[in-house]
Amino acid sequence: MDLNVYPELKEVKIYKYHGNYEEAIQILIKLIDETDEDDIAHYYLLLEYSGCLIDNIYMRISDGVFEEENEDLEIAWNYLEECKIKFNEIFLDNQALLKIYKYQGDIECLDNKFNDGMEAYKKAIAICEDNETLVELYNSLGEACIQNNELNESIDFYRRAYKLTNDNEKKNQIKEIITRMKIKKQKF
């Protein structure tokens, strides 16, 4: 699906790049309201909107202003469920499904449901064909394992990410995480 028919999406990308998710979200709300629910673009926009909501939550967490009861998580989850039905049964788009599972894994982990988050990440991995995306998914899965005190599994997923990436900076970051997990494991 080519969403380039919406020139406003260029603005959305710029706002996202600069961490201004609130502006990106407002543009996406307007576009979603203007598209018909029978149009496949409506669901791609919902998917993009859900991703922005999640990214905005992560940014607020890093800024220290995240509220525990956040309705954006519920909104994103509901839209992702709606998109999952459409992309799984009608539009048959594995790339969209991969994003849905990744975002659902993020939501579950933000909600401290790490086992559910790990299952969602594993579903995304099962249909992923891109190495850099796999690296991101294995990193997310490794982090969920850390939060769930599954250190051996965490190390395994980070090793998989390490083997797949060609980015030396990412390799160094992953290597550092693996080293910290090994030290932490020895303390237990």
C-alpha atoms as a PDB file:
ATOM      1  CA  MET A   1       0.000   0.000   0.000  1.00  0.00           C
ATOM      2  CA  ASP A   2       1.463   3.327  -1.065  1.00  0.00           C
ATOM      3  CA  LEU A   3       0.588   5.917   1.539  1.00  0.00           C
ATOM      4  CA  ASN A   4       2.514   8.570  -0.394  1.00  0.00           C
ATOM      5  CA  VAL A   5      -0.847   9.738  -1.729  1.00  0.00           C
ATOM      6  CA  TYR A   6      -1.059  11.526   1.629  1.00  0.00           C
ATOM      7  CA  PRO A   7       1.513  14.343   1.516  1.00  0.00           C
ATOM      8  CA  GLU A   8       0.787  14.985   5.200  1.00  0.00           C
ATOM      9  CA  LEU A   9       2.604  11.746   6.019  1.00  0.00           C
ATOM     10  CA  LYS A  10       5.892  13.451   5.139  1.00  0.00           C
ATOM     11  CA  GLU A  11       5.156  15.874   7.967  1.00  0.00           C
ATOM     12  CA  VAL A  12       4.328  12.929  10.235  1.00  0.00           C
ATOM     13  CA  LYS A  13       7.736  11.367   9.492  1.00  0.00           C
ATOM     14  CA  ILE A  14       9.507  14.648  10.217  1.00  0.00           C
ATOM     15  CA  TYR A  15       7.636  15.137  13.482  1.00  0.00           C
ATOM     16  CA  LYS A  16       8.384  11.544  14.518  1.00  0.00           C
ATOM     17  CA  TYR A  17      12.058  11.923  13.635  1.00  0.00           C
ATOM     18  CA  HIS A  18      12.272  14.944  15.923  1.00  0.00           C
ATOM     19  CA  GLY A  19      10.296  13.261  18.715  1.00  0.00           C
ATOM     20  CA  ASN A  20       7.268  15.521  18.290  1.00  0.00           C
ATOM     21  CA  TYR A  21       4.751  12.700  18.451  1.00  0.00           C
ATOM     22  CA  GLU A  22       1.874  14.914  19.580  1.00  0.00           C
ATOM     23  CA  GLU A  23       1.937  16.810  16.263  1.00  0.00           C
ATOM     24  CA  ALA A  24       2.276  13.572  14.292  1.00  0.00           C
ATOM     25  CA  ILE A  25      -0.677  12.109  16.189  1.00  0.00           C
ATOM     26  CA  GLN A  26      -2.861  15.127  15.405  1.00  0.00           C
ATOM     27  CA  ILE A  27      -2.160  14.840  11.674  1.00  0.00           C
ATOM     28  CA  LEU A  28      -2.877  11.107  11.746  1.00  0.00           C
ATOM     29  CA  ILE A  29      -6.182  11.630  13.578  1.00  0.00           C
ATOM     30  CA  LYS A  30      -7.253  14.047  10.841  1.00  0.00           C
ATOM     31  CA  LEU A  31      -6.262  11.603   8.078  1.00  0.00           C
ATOM     32  CA  ILE A  32      -7.990   8.678   9.793  1.00  0.00           C
ATOM     33  CA  ASP A  33     -11.175  10.696  10.144  1.00  0.00           C
ATOM     34  CA  GLU A  34     -11.060  11.496   6.421  1.00  0.00           C
ATOM     35  CA  THR A  35     -10.630   7.900   5.213  1.00  0.00           C
ATOM     36  CA  ASP A  36     -13.400   5.392   4.743  1.00  0.00           C
ATOM     37  CA  GLU A  37     -13.266   2.224   6.859  1.00  0.00           C
ATOM     38  CA  ASP A  38     -13.595   0.144   3.684  1.00  0.00           C
ATOM     39  CA  ASP A  39     -10.378   1.665   2.364  1.00  0.00           C
ATOM     40  CA  ILE A  40      -7.208  -0.276   3.157  1.00  0.00           C
ATOM     41  CA  ALA A  41      -5.442   3.051   3.756  1.00  0.00           C
ATOM     42  CA  HIS A  42      -7.629   3.546   6.836  1.00  0.00           C
ATOM     43  CA  TYR A  43      -5.985   0.542   8.507  1.00  0.00           C
ATOM     44  CA  TYR A  44      -2.467   1.517   7.509  1.00  0.00           C
ATOM     45  CA  LEU A  45      -3.138   4.926   9.044  1.00  0.00           C
ATOM     46  CA  LEU A  46      -4.501   3.276  12.215  1.00  0.00           C
ATOM     47  CA  LEU A  47      -1.338   1.181  12.375  1.00  0.00           C
ATOM     48  CA  GLU A  48       0.846   4.271  11.979  1.00  0.00           C
ATOM     49  CA  TYR A  49      -1.236   6.085  14.600  1.00  0.00           C
ATOM     50  CA  SER A  50      -0.879   3.194  17.058  1.00  0.00           C
ATOM     51  CA  GLY A  51       2.877   3.193  16.527  1.00  0.00           C
ATOM     52  CA  CYS A  52       3.007   6.937  17.241  1.00  0.00           C
ATOM     53  CA  LEU A  53       1.013   6.486  20.435  1.00  0.00           C
ATOM     54  CA  ILE A  54       3.452   3.800  21.610  1.00  0.00           C
ATOM     55  CA  ASP A  55       6.532   5.831  20.622  1.00  0.00           C
ATOM     56  CA  ASN A  56       5.065   8.822  22.460  1.00  0.00           C
ATOM     57  CA  ILE A  57       4.628   6.683  25.578  1.00  0.00           C
ATOM     58  CA  TYR A  58       8.253   5.503  25.392  1.00  0.00           C
ATOM     59  CA  MET A  59       9.381   9.118  25.028  1.00  0.00           C
ATOM     60  CA  ARG A  60       7.316  10.183  28.048  1.00  0.00           C
ATOM     61  CA  ILE A  61       8.799   7.306  30.066  1.00  0.00           C
ATOM     62  CA  SER A  62      12.316   8.459  29.177  1.00  0.00           C
ATOM     63  CA  ASP A  63      11.289  11.998  30.194  1.00  0.00           C
ATOM     64  CA  GLY A  64       9.912  10.642  33.492  1.00  0.00           C
ATOM     65  CA  VAL A  65       6.315  11.754  32.870  1.00  0.00           C
ATOM     66  CA  PHE A  66       4.551   8.473  32.118  1.00  0.00           C
ATOM     67  CA  GLU A  67       1.274   7.855  33.928  1.00  0.00           C
ATOM     68  CA  GLU A  68       0.660   4.227  34.957  1.00  0.00           C
ATOM     69  CA  GLU A  69      -2.981   4.261  33.815  1.00  0.00           C
ATOM     70  CA  ASN A  70      -2.541   5.450  30.272  1.00  0.00           C
ATOM     71  CA  GLU A  71      -5.515   5.360  27.946  1.00  0.00           C
ATOM     72  CA  ASP A  72      -3.215   5.648  24.921  1.00  0.00           C
ATOM     73  CA  LEU A  73      -2.117   2.045  25.522  1.00  0.00           C
ATOM     74  CA  GLU A  74      -5.717   0.880  25.404  1.00  0.00           C
ATOM     75  CA  ILE A  75      -6.495   2.966  22.320  1.00  0.00           C
ATOM     76  CA  ALA A  76      -3.421   1.623  20.513  1.00  0.00           C
ATOM     77  CA  TRP A  77      -4.261  -1.954  21.542  1.00  0.00           C
ATOM     78  CA  ASN A  78      -7.846  -1.684  20.267  1.00  0.00           C
ATOM     79  CA  TYR A  79      -6.761  -0.240  16.924  1.00  0.00           C
ATOM     80  CA  LEU A  80      -4.073  -2.908  16.569  1.00  0.00           C
ATOM     81  CA  GLU A  81      -6.655  -5.632  17.170  1.00  0.00           C
ATOM     82  CA  GLU A  82      -8.880  -4.072  14.510  1.00  0.00           C
ATOM     83  CA  CYS A  83      -5.947  -3.878  12.093  1.00  0.00           C
ATOM     84  CA  LYS A  84      -4.887  -7.445  12.859  1.00  0.00           C
ATOM     85  CA  ILE A  85      -8.275  -8.740  11.747  1.00  0.00           C
ATOM     86  CA  LYS A  86      -8.160  -6.751   8.505  1.00  0.00           C
ATOM     87  CA  PHE A  87      -4.540  -7.562   7.627  1.00  0.00           C
ATOM     88  CA  ASN A  88      -4.890 -11.221   8.577  1.00  0.00           C
ATOM     89  CA  GLU A  89      -8.223 -12.018   6.952  1.00  0.00           C
ATOM     90  CA  ILE A  90      -8.884  -9.476   4.227  1.00  0.00           C
ATOM     91  CA  PHE A  91      -5.785  -7.616   3.067  1.00  0.00           C
ATOM     92  CA  LEU A  92      -3.202 -10.371   3.797  1.00  0.00           C
ATOM     93  CA  ASP A  93      -0.208  -8.156   4.567  1.00  0.00           C
ATOM     94  CA  ASN A  94       2.544  -9.838   6.606  1.00  0.00           C
ATOM     95  CA  GLN A  95       4.561  -6.622   6.961  1.00  0.00           C
ATOM     96  CA  ALA A  96       1.592  -4.918   8.593  1.00  0.00           C
ATOM     97  CA  LEU A  97       1.007  -7.974  10.797  1.00  0.00           C
ATOM     98  CA  LEU A  98       4.661  -7.917  11.836  1.00  0.00           C
ATOM     99  CA  LYS A  99       4.283  -4.287  12.981  1.00  0.00           C
ATOM    100  CA  ILE A 100       1.058  -5.148  14.789  1.00  0.00           C
ATOM    101  CA  TYR A 101       2.702  -7.994  16.719  1.00  0.00           C
ATOM    102  CA  LYS A 102       5.734  -5.815  17.518  1.00  0.00           C
ATOM    103  CA  TYR A 103       3.533  -2.988  18.813  1.00  0.00           C
ATOM    104  CA  GLN A 104       1.392  -5.422  20.792  1.00  0.00           C
ATOM    105  CA  GLY A 105       4.553  -6.831  22.355  1.00  0.00           C
ATOM    106  CA  ASP A 106       5.563  -3.294  23.298  1.00  0.00           C
ATOM    107  CA  ILE A 107       2.161  -2.621  24.859  1.00  0.00           C
ATOM    108  CA  GLU A 108       2.214  -5.873  26.840  1.00  0.00           C
ATOM    109  CA  CYS A 109       5.692  -5.096  28.170  1.00  0.00           C
ATOM    110  CA  LEU A 110       4.711  -1.513  29.039  1.00  0.00           C
ATOM    111  CA  ASP A 111       1.842  -3.081  30.973  1.00  0.00           C
ATOM    112  CA  ASN A 112       4.313  -5.442  32.762  1.00  0.00           C
ATOM    113  CA  LYS A 113       2.857  -8.497  31.005  1.00  0.00           C
ATOM    114  CA  PHE A 114       6.229  -9.758  29.857  1.00  0.00           C
ATOM    115  CA  ASN A 115       5.180 -13.317  28.950  1.00  0.00           C
ATOM    116  CA  ASP A 116       2.451 -11.955  26.676  1.00  0.00           C
ATOM    117  CA  GLY A 117       4.898  -9.431  25.247  1.00  0.00           C
ATOM    118  CA  MET A 118       7.394 -12.181  24.488  1.00  0.00           C
ATOM    119  CA  GLU A 119       4.712 -14.209  22.707  1.00  0.00           C
ATOM    120  CA  ALA A 120       3.798 -11.216  20.541  1.00  0.00           C
ATOM    121  CA  TYR A 121       7.475 -10.598  19.664  1.00  0.00           C
ATOM    122  CA  LYS A 122       7.863 -14.281  18.749  1.00  0.00           C
ATOM    123  CA  LYS A 123       4.876 -14.009  16.392  1.00  0.00           C
ATOM    124  CA  ALA A 124       6.545 -11.022  14.725  1.00  0.00           C
ATOM    125  CA  ILE A 125       9.825 -12.926  14.428  1.00  0.00           C
ATOM    126  CA  ALA A 126       8.049 -15.875  12.808  1.00  0.00           C
ATOM    127  CA  ILE A 127       6.973 -13.728   9.847  1.00  0.00           C
ATOM    128  CA  CYS A 128       9.948 -11.344   9.694  1.00  0.00           C
ATOM    129  CA  GLU A 129      12.233 -11.513   6.665  1.00  0.00           C
ATOM    130  CA  ASP A 130      14.444  -8.470   7.280  1.00  0.00           C
ATOM    131  CA  ASN A 131      17.614  -8.841   9.360  1.00  0.00           C
ATOM    132  CA  GLU A 132      17.591  -5.337  10.846  1.00  0.00           C
ATOM    133  CA  THR A 133      13.982  -5.762  11.928  1.00  0.00           C
ATOM    134  CA  LEU A 134      14.903  -9.147  13.403  1.00  0.00           C
ATOM    135  CA  VAL A 135      17.683  -7.442  15.365  1.00  0.00           C
ATOM    136  CA  GLU A 136      15.150  -4.990  16.799  1.00  0.00           C
ATOM    137  CA  LEU A 137      12.738  -7.810  17.631  1.00  0.00           C
ATOM    138  CA  TYR A 138      15.419  -9.963  19.282  1.00  0.00           C
ATOM    139  CA  ASN A 139      16.528  -6.932  21.315  1.00  0.00           C
ATOM    140  CA  SER A 140      12.931  -6.333  22.420  1.00  0.00           C
ATOM    141  CA  LEU A 141      12.560 -10.006  23.282  1.00  0.00           C
ATOM    142  CA  GLY A 142      15.849  -9.943  25.190  1.00  0.00           C
ATOM    143  CA  GLU A 143      14.713  -6.915  27.196  1.00  0.00           C
ATOM    144  CA  ALA A 144      11.375  -8.580  27.998  1.00  0.00           C
ATOM    145  CA  CYS A 145      13.291 -11.638  29.248  1.00  0.00           C
ATOM    146  CA  ILE A 146      15.436  -9.411  31.474  1.00  0.00           C
ATOM    147  CA  GLN A 147      12.322  -7.833  32.961  1.00  0.00           C
ATOM    148  CA  ASN A 148      10.922 -11.328  33.495  1.00  0.00           C
ATOM    149  CA  ASN A 149      14.186 -12.504  35.170  1.00  0.00           C
ATOM    150  CA  GLU A 150      14.888 -15.011  32.404  1.00  0.00           C
ATOM    151  CA  LEU A 151      18.562 -14.163  32.037  1.00  0.00           C
ATOM    152  CA  ASN A 152      19.678 -17.230  30.033  1.00  0.00           C
ATOM    153  CA  GLU A 153      16.937 -16.653  27.474  1.00  0.00           C
ATOM    154  CA  SER A 154      17.787 -12.954  27.381  1.00  0.00           C
ATOM    155  CA  ILE A 155      21.420 -13.700  26.584  1.00  0.00           C
ATOM    156  CA  ASP A 156      20.324 -16.110  23.846  1.00  0.00           C
ATOM    157  CA  PHE A 157      18.109 -13.510  22.145  1.00  0.00           C
ATOM    158  CA  TYR A 158      20.772 -10.814  22.374  1.00  0.00           C
ATOM    159  CA  ARG A 159      23.299 -13.229  20.822  1.00  0.00           C
ATOM    160  CA  ARG A 160      20.915 -13.801  17.934  1.00  0.00           C
ATOM    161  CA  ALA A 161      20.611 -10.042  17.453  1.00  0.00           C
ATOM    162  CA  TYR A 162      24.399  -9.688  17.609  1.00  0.00           C
ATOM    163  CA  LYS A 163      24.908 -12.294  14.877  1.00  0.00           C
ATOM    164  CA  LEU A 164      22.412 -10.619  12.554  1.00  0.00           C
ATOM    165  CA  THR A 165      23.460  -6.990  12.739  1.00  0.00           C
ATOM    166  CA  ASN A 166      26.115  -5.424  10.548  1.00  0.00           C
ATOM    167  CA  ASP A 167      26.069  -2.177  12.526  1.00  0.00           C
ATOM    168  CA  ASN A 168      29.204  -2.000  14.704  1.00  0.00           C
ATOM    169  CA  GLU A 169      27.605   0.437  17.142  1.00  0.00           C
ATOM    170  CA  LYS A 170      24.681  -1.947  17.665  1.00  0.00           C
ATOM    171  CA  LYS A 171      27.102  -4.855  18.023  1.00  0.00           C
ATOM    172  CA  ASN A 172      28.954  -2.993  20.781  1.00  0.00           C
ATOM    173  CA  GLN A 173      25.710  -2.114  22.583  1.00  0.00           C
ATOM    174  CA  ILE A 174      24.484  -5.702  22.385  1.00  0.00           C
ATOM    175  CA  LYS A 175      27.864  -7.045  23.529  1.00  0.00           C
ATOM    176  CA  GLU A 176      27.715  -4.719  26.547  1.00  0.00           C
ATOM    177  CA  ILE A 177      24.204  -5.943  27.425  1.00  0.00           C
ATOM    178  CA  ILE A 178      25.283  -9.586  27.137  1.00  0.00           C
ATOM    179  CA  THR A 179      28.260  -8.920  29.418  1.00  0.00           C
ATOM    180  CA  ARG A 180      26.016  -7.235  32.011  1.00  0.00           C
ATOM    181  CA  MET A 181      23.568 -10.158  31.857  1.00  0.00           C
ATOM    182  CA  LYS A 182      26.372 -12.667  32.399  1.00  0.00           C
ATOM    183  CA  ILE A 183      27.580 -10.699  35.436  1.00  0.00           C
ATOM    184  CA  LYS A 184      24.041 -10.418  36.773  1.00  0.00           C
ATOM    185  CA  LYS A 185      23.519 -14.148  36.224  1.00  0.00           C
ATOM    186  CA  GLN A 186      26.665 -14.968  38.219  1.00  0.00           C
ATOM    187  CA  LYS A 187      25.338 -12.957  41.168  1.00  0.00           C
ATOM    188  CA  PHE A 188      22.212 -15.113  41.340  1.00  0.00           C
END
